[in-house]
Amino acid sequence: MGRISIVRTDKELEKSVLESINLIGGIERFIGHNDKVMLKPNVNGTEATTNPLITEALIRIVTGYGIKELIIAESTFGNANMTDMFFEKNGYRSLAEKYGIRLLNLNRSAIENVKVRKPMVLDNIRMAKEALDGYKIINIPVMKVHYATGVTLSMKNLKGLLALDEKRHFHEVGLDKAIVDLNNSIKPALNIVDCTHCMERMGPRGGDIIDLDLVMAGRDCAETDYIGCRIMGYTIEEVKHLEYYIQTNNVDLSRIEIAGEKIEDVQHSFRKVEMDRIVPKGFRIENKNSCSACMNAMLLSCQFLGEGKNNIAADIYLGSDIKTRESAGRSQVGFGNCACRNRNFEIEVKGCPPFPFALKEKLESR
């Protein structure tokens, strides 16, 4: 039987995190004194990233318990320099320095191939070497909606363990099923879901921040995410990677036990991403193999176009594998460095990802 805890953070944050762990068996159930431990937060951007105070609480709890080694690790979209920038902007570099912990940029890691158990779309997955180097992983995602996967919680946060181009490959083969393959290949020791400052309406970036002031804890990613979805007002059918995983692994949701707060007392119906309301009716999007950063930037760009946007007739191309088509009377727009590379578009919106106001500026300058 799986047990998931839900704890309010209206007391001292470290006490709330510790309570969430104690309610499901205590830290000693998940790590041992001779273990190496990796904290895996979400530092992919500067909005609704893992609250560094949650991560700091876990540093204090884990080091207080006594282990062999502790590191913080993440890889973000873009290159290794992007990850370094997000470490800096989100306060993780100073946090690591404060406690003398190694801050590991997985975009600089060696790559290892992992054979997928019960593959859906991938036989092998390329991961950062350290993810397979004997570390017990404490996964620390943020609760938020996502334009492509419904929500992003524990299961999706493990994408930060992938090697550089593998993230884009996940989008190419089918993101939800690839996430299932990832979760059938690597298991964190513990999931701590940061529900202090969450995101709705748009995600993983560009949405509205809402404060639930909660923290969740659970051993199993799918069980934890199922309870998270119920808090957010999502059904299993709306989160395909969760649905596929439950079906593939015969997860018995009826056996999940809730500790701490009751779901009905903390539920908040998150405003969901509505693509039809975001993308202008005159836009046709040709997307092949683009990453979530570029697609998210495109959606944000659409929101910034302003009045009259539905009158714009344009074909928007994203990704590295696109094929253009003839379309008289429509603007041809390459969006992102991958789409624009070695091609000549009428309008080019470059960047990795592009600045969200750039599409509006390019269209208005014509």
Protein backbone atom coordinates (compact mmCIF):
# COMPACT_ATOMS: atom_id res chain seq x y z
CA MET A 1 0.00 0.00 0.00
CA GLY A 2 1.32 3.42 -0.94
CA ARG A 3 1.00 6.34 1.44
CA ILE A 4 1.01 9.97 0.31
CA SER A 5 1.19 12.84 2.76
CA ILE A 6 -0.26 16.33 2.34
CA VAL A 7 0.96 18.97 4.81
CA ARG A 8 0.27 22.67 5.10
CA THR A 9 3.31 24.96 5.23
CA ASP A 10 1.84 27.59 7.54
CA LYS A 11 4.36 26.57 10.19
CA GLU A 12 8.16 26.68 9.88
CA LEU A 13 8.89 25.26 6.41
CA GLU A 14 11.50 22.75 7.54
CA LYS A 15 9.08 21.37 10.12
CA SER A 16 6.40 21.00 7.43
CA VAL A 17 8.75 19.13 5.09
CA LEU A 18 9.93 16.89 7.93
CA GLU A 19 6.33 16.20 8.94
CA SER A 20 5.45 15.23 5.36
CA ILE A 21 8.29 12.67 5.39
CA ASN A 22 7.52 11.38 8.89
CA LEU A 23 3.89 10.77 7.93
CA ILE A 24 5.01 8.24 5.30
CA GLY A 25 7.59 6.44 7.42
CA GLY A 26 10.44 8.85 8.20
CA ILE A 27 13.65 9.66 6.31
CA GLU A 28 15.26 6.37 7.38
CA ARG A 29 12.71 4.49 5.25
CA PHE A 30 14.10 6.06 2.08
CA ILE A 31 17.84 6.56 2.60
CA GLY A 32 20.60 4.99 4.69
CA HIS A 33 23.61 6.44 6.49
CA ASN A 34 26.00 5.02 3.86
CA ASP A 35 24.03 6.37 0.89
CA LYS A 36 24.92 9.03 -1.63
CA VAL A 37 21.90 11.30 -2.16
CA MET A 38 20.98 13.50 -5.13
CA LEU A 39 18.43 16.29 -4.72
CA LYS A 40 16.69 16.83 -8.07
CA PRO A 41 14.69 20.10 -8.03
CA ASN A 42 13.00 21.78 -11.00
CA VAL A 43 15.26 24.74 -11.91
CA ASN A 44 14.15 24.83 -15.55
CA GLY A 45 13.49 28.56 -15.95
CA THR A 46 12.83 31.36 -13.49
CA GLU A 47 9.07 30.97 -12.93
CA ALA A 48 7.47 28.39 -10.64
CA THR A 49 10.74 26.57 -10.07
CA THR A 50 11.35 24.52 -6.94
CA ASN A 51 11.31 26.82 -3.93
CA PRO A 52 14.95 26.92 -2.72
CA LEU A 53 13.62 27.02 0.85
CA ILE A 54 12.08 23.56 0.30
CA THR A 55 15.42 22.34 -1.05
CA GLU A 56 17.25 23.94 1.88
CA ALA A 57 14.88 22.20 4.31
CA LEU A 58 15.75 18.87 2.68
CA ILE A 59 19.47 19.64 2.86
CA ARG A 60 19.16 20.20 6.60
CA ILE A 61 16.99 17.10 7.12
CA VAL A 62 19.24 14.79 5.08
CA THR A 63 22.55 16.07 6.45
CA GLY A 64 21.12 16.00 9.96
CA TYR A 65 20.26 12.35 9.48
CA GLY A 66 23.82 11.66 8.31
CA ILE A 67 24.75 10.29 4.89
CA LYS A 68 27.86 9.64 2.81
CA GLU A 69 27.41 12.42 0.22
CA LEU A 70 24.81 14.99 -0.88
CA ILE A 71 24.59 16.79 -4.22
CA ILE A 72 22.06 18.98 -6.08
CA ALA A 73 21.65 18.15 -9.78
CA GLU A 74 19.64 19.41 -12.75
CA SER A 75 19.76 19.89 -16.51
CA THR A 76 17.56 22.48 -18.21
CA PHE A 77 16.56 23.24 -21.79
CA GLY A 78 19.25 24.81 -23.96
CA ASN A 79 22.91 24.26 -23.18
CA ALA A 80 24.99 23.94 -20.03
CA ASN A 81 25.38 27.72 -19.81
CA MET A 82 21.60 28.04 -19.58
CA THR A 83 21.55 25.64 -16.64
CA ASP A 84 24.32 27.64 -14.94
CA MET A 85 22.28 30.83 -15.40
CA PHE A 86 19.16 29.28 -13.87
CA PHE A 87 21.18 27.94 -10.92
CA GLU A 88 22.35 31.50 -10.32
CA LYS A 89 19.01 33.26 -10.83
CA ASN A 90 17.06 30.84 -8.65
CA GLY A 91 19.49 31.01 -5.75
CA TYR A 92 20.81 27.46 -6.06
CA ARG A 93 24.45 28.41 -6.49
CA SER A 94 24.45 30.41 -3.27
CA LEU A 95 22.49 27.63 -1.53
CA ALA A 96 25.09 25.03 -2.54
CA GLU A 97 27.92 27.31 -1.40
CA LYS A 98 26.20 27.96 1.94
CA TYR A 99 26.17 24.24 2.78
CA GLY A 100 29.30 23.19 0.90
CA ILE A 101 27.33 20.93 -1.46
CA ARG A 102 28.34 20.09 -5.01
CA LEU A 103 26.00 21.69 -7.57
CA LEU A 104 25.98 19.41 -10.59
CA ASN A 105 25.10 20.66 -14.07
CA LEU A 106 23.91 17.48 -15.79
CA ASN A 107 24.21 19.17 -19.19
CA ARG A 108 27.98 18.71 -18.73
CA SER A 109 27.74 15.07 -17.71
CA ALA A 110 28.91 11.99 -19.51
CA ILE A 111 26.10 10.05 -21.18
CA GLU A 112 25.01 6.49 -20.50
CA ASN A 113 22.41 4.41 -22.33
CA VAL A 114 19.78 2.75 -20.17
CA LYS A 115 17.73 -0.16 -21.46
CA VAL A 116 14.02 0.54 -20.96
CA ARG A 117 11.93 -1.99 -19.07
CA LYS A 118 8.57 -2.60 -20.83
CA PRO A 119 9.22 0.01 -23.55
CA MET A 120 6.37 1.98 -25.10
CA VAL A 121 8.34 4.07 -27.63
CA LEU A 122 12.01 3.87 -26.59
CA ASP A 123 14.26 0.82 -26.24
CA ASN A 124 17.06 2.87 -24.69
CA ILE A 125 17.26 6.27 -22.97
CA ARG A 126 20.34 8.47 -22.78
CA MET A 127 20.80 9.78 -19.25
CA ALA A 128 23.41 11.75 -17.37
CA LYS A 129 25.93 9.32 -15.88
CA GLU A 130 25.42 10.54 -12.30
CA ALA A 131 21.74 9.58 -12.39
CA LEU A 132 22.91 5.96 -12.63
CA ASP A 133 25.92 6.28 -10.33
CA GLY A 134 24.41 4.88 -7.15
CA TYR A 135 22.77 8.04 -5.85
CA LYS A 136 19.45 7.81 -4.02
CA ILE A 137 17.37 10.47 -5.79
CA ILE A 138 15.04 12.79 -3.90
CA ASN A 139 12.81 14.25 -6.61
CA ILE A 140 11.52 17.79 -5.85
CA PRO A 141 9.06 18.89 -8.56
CA VAL A 142 6.72 21.90 -8.57
CA MET A 143 2.97 21.58 -8.99
CA LYS A 144 1.93 23.28 -12.25
CA VAL A 145 -0.02 22.82 -15.46
CA HIS A 146 1.71 22.05 -18.75
CA TYR A 147 0.62 22.80 -22.31
CA ALA A 148 1.72 19.39 -23.65
CA THR A 149 1.20 16.96 -20.75
CA GLY A 150 -1.67 18.45 -18.76
CA VAL A 151 0.37 18.75 -15.58
CA THR A 152 4.00 18.52 -14.57
CA LEU A 153 4.69 16.81 -11.26
CA SER A 154 6.97 13.96 -10.10
CA MET A 155 7.01 11.80 -13.24
CA LYS A 156 7.82 14.59 -15.67
CA ASN A 157 10.43 16.21 -13.40
CA LEU A 158 12.71 13.21 -14.01
CA LYS A 159 13.31 14.57 -17.53
CA GLY A 160 15.98 16.74 -15.91
CA LEU A 161 18.13 13.59 -15.66
CA LEU A 162 18.32 13.25 -19.46
CA ALA A 163 21.28 14.04 -21.65
CA LEU A 164 21.05 17.15 -23.83
CA ASP A 165 19.41 16.01 -27.09
CA GLU A 166 17.33 13.30 -25.43
CA LYS A 167 14.84 15.90 -24.17
CA ARG A 168 14.09 16.93 -27.74
CA HIS A 169 13.95 13.27 -28.78
CA PHE A 170 11.19 12.69 -26.21
CA HIS A 171 9.04 15.23 -28.04
CA GLU A 172 9.77 13.58 -31.37
CA VAL A 173 8.71 10.07 -30.38
CA GLY A 174 5.75 11.12 -28.22
CA LEU A 175 6.29 12.93 -24.94
CA ASP A 176 3.75 11.17 -22.73
CA LYS A 177 4.81 7.64 -23.69
CA ALA A 178 8.49 8.58 -23.45
CA ILE A 179 7.88 9.83 -19.89
CA VAL A 180 6.44 6.40 -19.07
CA ASP A 181 9.57 4.75 -20.48
CA LEU A 182 11.72 7.06 -18.35
CA ASN A 183 9.77 6.23 -15.20
CA ASN A 184 10.04 2.52 -15.96
CA SER A 185 13.83 2.95 -16.18
CA ILE A 186 14.69 4.95 -13.06
CA LYS A 187 13.00 5.32 -9.67
CA PRO A 188 13.60 8.08 -7.13
CA ALA A 189 13.83 7.06 -3.50
CA LEU A 190 11.42 9.81 -2.47
CA ASN A 191 9.27 12.52 -4.05
CA ILE A 192 8.67 15.84 -2.31
CA VAL A 193 6.22 17.96 -4.32
CA ASP A 194 6.56 21.71 -3.83
CA CYS A 195 3.00 23.07 -3.75
CA THR A 196 3.91 26.39 -2.13
CA HIS A 197 3.95 28.57 -5.28
CA CYS A 198 2.22 26.73 -8.13
CA MET A 199 1.34 27.66 -11.73
CA GLU A 200 -2.00 27.58 -13.57
CA ARG A 201 -3.44 28.74 -16.94
CA MET A 202 -0.12 28.27 -18.79
CA GLY A 203 2.89 26.14 -18.15
CA PRO A 204 5.61 25.16 -17.70
CA ARG A 205 6.29 28.91 -17.99
CA GLY A 206 4.22 32.05 -18.45
CA GLY A 207 1.24 31.12 -16.29
CA ASP A 208 -0.24 32.62 -13.15
CA ILE A 209 1.30 31.89 -9.76
CA ILE A 210 -1.03 30.65 -7.05
CA ASP A 211 -0.05 29.93 -3.47
CA LEU A 212 -1.39 26.63 -2.12
CA ASP A 213 1.13 26.60 0.74
CA LEU A 214 1.32 22.81 0.76
CA VAL A 215 3.96 20.12 0.47
CA MET A 216 3.37 16.50 -0.56
CA ALA A 217 5.53 13.44 -0.04
CA GLY A 218 5.42 9.92 -1.48
CA ARG A 219 7.72 7.11 -2.55
CA ASP A 220 6.05 6.24 -5.86
CA CYS A 221 5.93 8.87 -8.62
CA ALA A 222 2.64 7.74 -10.15
CA GLU A 223 0.83 7.45 -6.83
CA THR A 224 2.11 10.87 -5.77
CA ASP A 225 1.10 12.42 -9.10
CA TYR A 226 -2.36 10.86 -8.92
CA ILE A 227 -3.02 12.60 -5.62
CA GLY A 228 -1.49 15.79 -6.99
CA CYS A 229 -3.87 15.65 -9.97
CA ARG A 230 -6.83 15.26 -7.66
CA ILE A 231 -5.74 18.35 -5.74
CA MET A 232 -5.42 20.25 -9.04
CA GLY A 233 -8.80 19.11 -10.38
CA TYR A 234 -7.39 16.93 -13.19
CA THR A 235 -8.63 13.47 -14.13
CA ILE A 236 -6.27 10.64 -15.03
CA GLU A 237 -7.53 10.81 -18.63
CA GLU A 238 -6.30 14.42 -18.87
CA VAL A 239 -2.73 13.39 -17.95
CA LYS A 240 -1.83 10.75 -20.50
CA HIS A 241 1.62 9.79 -19.16
CA LEU A 242 0.03 9.05 -15.80
CA GLU A 243 -2.79 7.07 -17.43
CA TYR A 244 -0.36 5.06 -19.57
CA TYR A 245 1.91 4.32 -16.59
CA ILE A 246 -0.99 3.15 -14.42
CA GLN A 247 -2.21 0.85 -17.20
CA THR A 248 1.26 -0.47 -18.05
CA ASN A 249 2.17 -1.22 -14.44
CA ASN A 250 -1.26 -2.23 -13.10
CA VAL A 251 -1.15 0.40 -10.36
CA ASP A 252 -3.93 -0.13 -7.82
CA LEU A 253 -5.01 3.40 -6.95
CA SER A 254 -7.57 2.15 -4.43
CA ARG A 255 -4.73 1.08 -2.13
CA ILE A 256 -3.29 4.60 -1.76
CA GLU A 257 -3.56 5.93 1.77
CA ILE A 258 -3.62 9.69 2.47
CA ALA A 259 -1.87 11.05 5.56
CA GLY A 260 -2.14 14.61 6.87
CA GLU A 261 -4.64 16.93 5.19
CA LYS A 262 -7.69 15.57 3.38
CA ILE A 263 -7.76 16.08 -0.39
CA GLU A 264 -11.16 17.77 -0.28
CA ASP A 265 -9.85 20.34 2.22
CA VAL A 266 -6.96 21.47 0.01
CA GLN A 267 -8.38 21.06 -3.52
CA HIS A 268 -8.01 23.95 -5.95
CA SER A 269 -9.29 23.63 -9.52
CA PHE A 270 -6.33 24.83 -11.57
CA ARG A 271 -7.13 26.86 -14.68
CA LYS A 272 -6.00 24.69 -17.58
CA VAL A 273 -4.10 25.54 -20.74
CA GLU A 274 -6.66 26.18 -23.49
CA MET A 275 -4.78 26.03 -26.78
CA ASP A 276 -7.74 27.18 -28.90
CA ARG A 277 -8.00 30.37 -26.88
CA ILE A 278 -4.27 31.05 -27.12
CA VAL A 279 -3.36 30.35 -30.77
CA PRO A 280 -4.92 32.78 -33.32
CA LYS A 281 -7.42 31.14 -35.67
CA GLY A 282 -5.35 32.32 -38.64
CA PHE A 283 -2.21 30.52 -37.47
CA ARG A 284 -1.23 27.06 -38.70
CA ILE A 285 1.49 25.54 -36.55
CA GLU A 286 3.93 23.09 -38.13
CA ASN A 287 5.82 21.50 -35.26
CA LYS A 288 8.36 18.72 -35.69
CA ASN A 289 10.77 17.85 -32.91
CA SER A 290 10.68 21.19 -31.10
CA CYS A 291 11.42 21.27 -27.38
CA SER A 292 8.92 22.42 -24.76
CA ALA A 293 10.89 25.65 -24.24
CA CYS A 294 10.35 26.73 -27.86
CA MET A 295 6.71 25.65 -27.97
CA ASN A 296 6.00 27.38 -24.69
CA ALA A 297 7.65 30.57 -26.00
CA MET A 298 5.44 30.39 -29.09
CA LEU A 299 2.29 30.08 -26.99
CA LEU A 300 3.38 33.00 -24.83
CA SER A 301 4.07 34.98 -28.01
CA CYS A 302 0.50 34.37 -29.17
CA GLN A 303 -0.85 35.77 -25.92
CA PHE A 304 1.15 38.97 -26.43
CA LEU A 305 -0.08 39.66 -29.96
CA GLY A 306 -2.97 41.79 -28.73
CA GLU A 307 -6.23 42.82 -30.40
CA GLY A 308 -6.88 41.72 -33.97
CA LYS A 309 -4.58 38.72 -33.74
CA ASN A 310 -7.21 36.38 -35.22
CA ASN A 311 -6.94 38.26 -38.53
CA ILE A 312 -3.29 37.28 -39.01
CA ALA A 313 -2.76 34.50 -41.57
CA ALA A 314 0.57 32.80 -40.92
CA ASP A 315 2.25 29.41 -40.99
CA ILE A 316 4.49 29.05 -37.92
CA TYR A 317 7.30 26.49 -38.20
CA LEU A 318 9.00 25.02 -35.10
CA GLY A 319 11.62 22.29 -34.74
CA SER A 320 14.56 20.89 -36.65
CA ASP A 321 12.72 18.43 -38.91
CA ILE A 322 10.10 20.65 -40.53
CA LYS A 323 8.94 20.64 -44.13
CA THR A 324 7.64 23.93 -45.49
CA ARG A 325 4.69 24.18 -47.85
CA GLU A 326 3.47 26.69 -50.40
CA SER A 327 0.69 28.89 -49.04
CA ALA A 328 -0.21 32.00 -51.03
CA GLY A 329 -1.27 34.99 -48.98
CA ARG A 330 0.11 33.60 -45.71
CA SER A 331 3.24 34.72 -43.90
CA GLN A 332 5.93 32.06 -43.49
CA VAL A 333 7.46 32.28 -40.01
CA GLY A 334 10.42 30.31 -38.70
CA PHE A 335 10.26 30.26 -34.90
CA GLY A 336 13.37 29.30 -32.92
CA ASN A 337 16.94 28.59 -33.92
CA CYS A 338 16.24 24.99 -34.97
CA ALA A 339 13.56 26.01 -37.46
CA CYS A 340 15.57 28.92 -38.86
CA ARG A 341 18.84 27.01 -39.26
CA ASN A 342 19.80 26.65 -42.95
CA ARG A 343 16.42 27.98 -44.12
CA ASN A 344 15.22 31.32 -45.47
CA PHE A 345 11.88 32.30 -44.01
CA GLU A 346 10.01 35.46 -44.81
CA ILE A 347 9.98 36.15 -41.06
CA GLU A 348 12.56 34.65 -38.71
CA VAL A 349 12.10 34.74 -34.96
CA LYS A 350 15.39 33.41 -33.62
CA GLY A 351 16.36 32.41 -30.12
CA CYS A 352 16.69 29.30 -27.94
CA PRO A 353 13.92 29.90 -27.06
CA PRO A 354 12.84 33.18 -28.70
CA PHE A 355 11.94 36.18 -26.56
CA PRO A 356 8.11 36.04 -26.18
CA PHE A 357 7.54 39.58 -27.53
CA ALA A 358 9.71 38.97 -30.62
CA LEU A 359 6.93 37.47 -32.77
CA LYS A 360 4.69 40.48 -32.15
CA GLU A 361 7.53 42.86 -33.03
CA LYS A 362 8.40 40.97 -36.22
CA LEU A 363 4.79 40.87 -37.44
CA GLU A 364 4.19 44.54 -36.65
CA SER A 365 7.39 45.67 -38.41
CA ARG A 366 6.31 44.22 -41.75
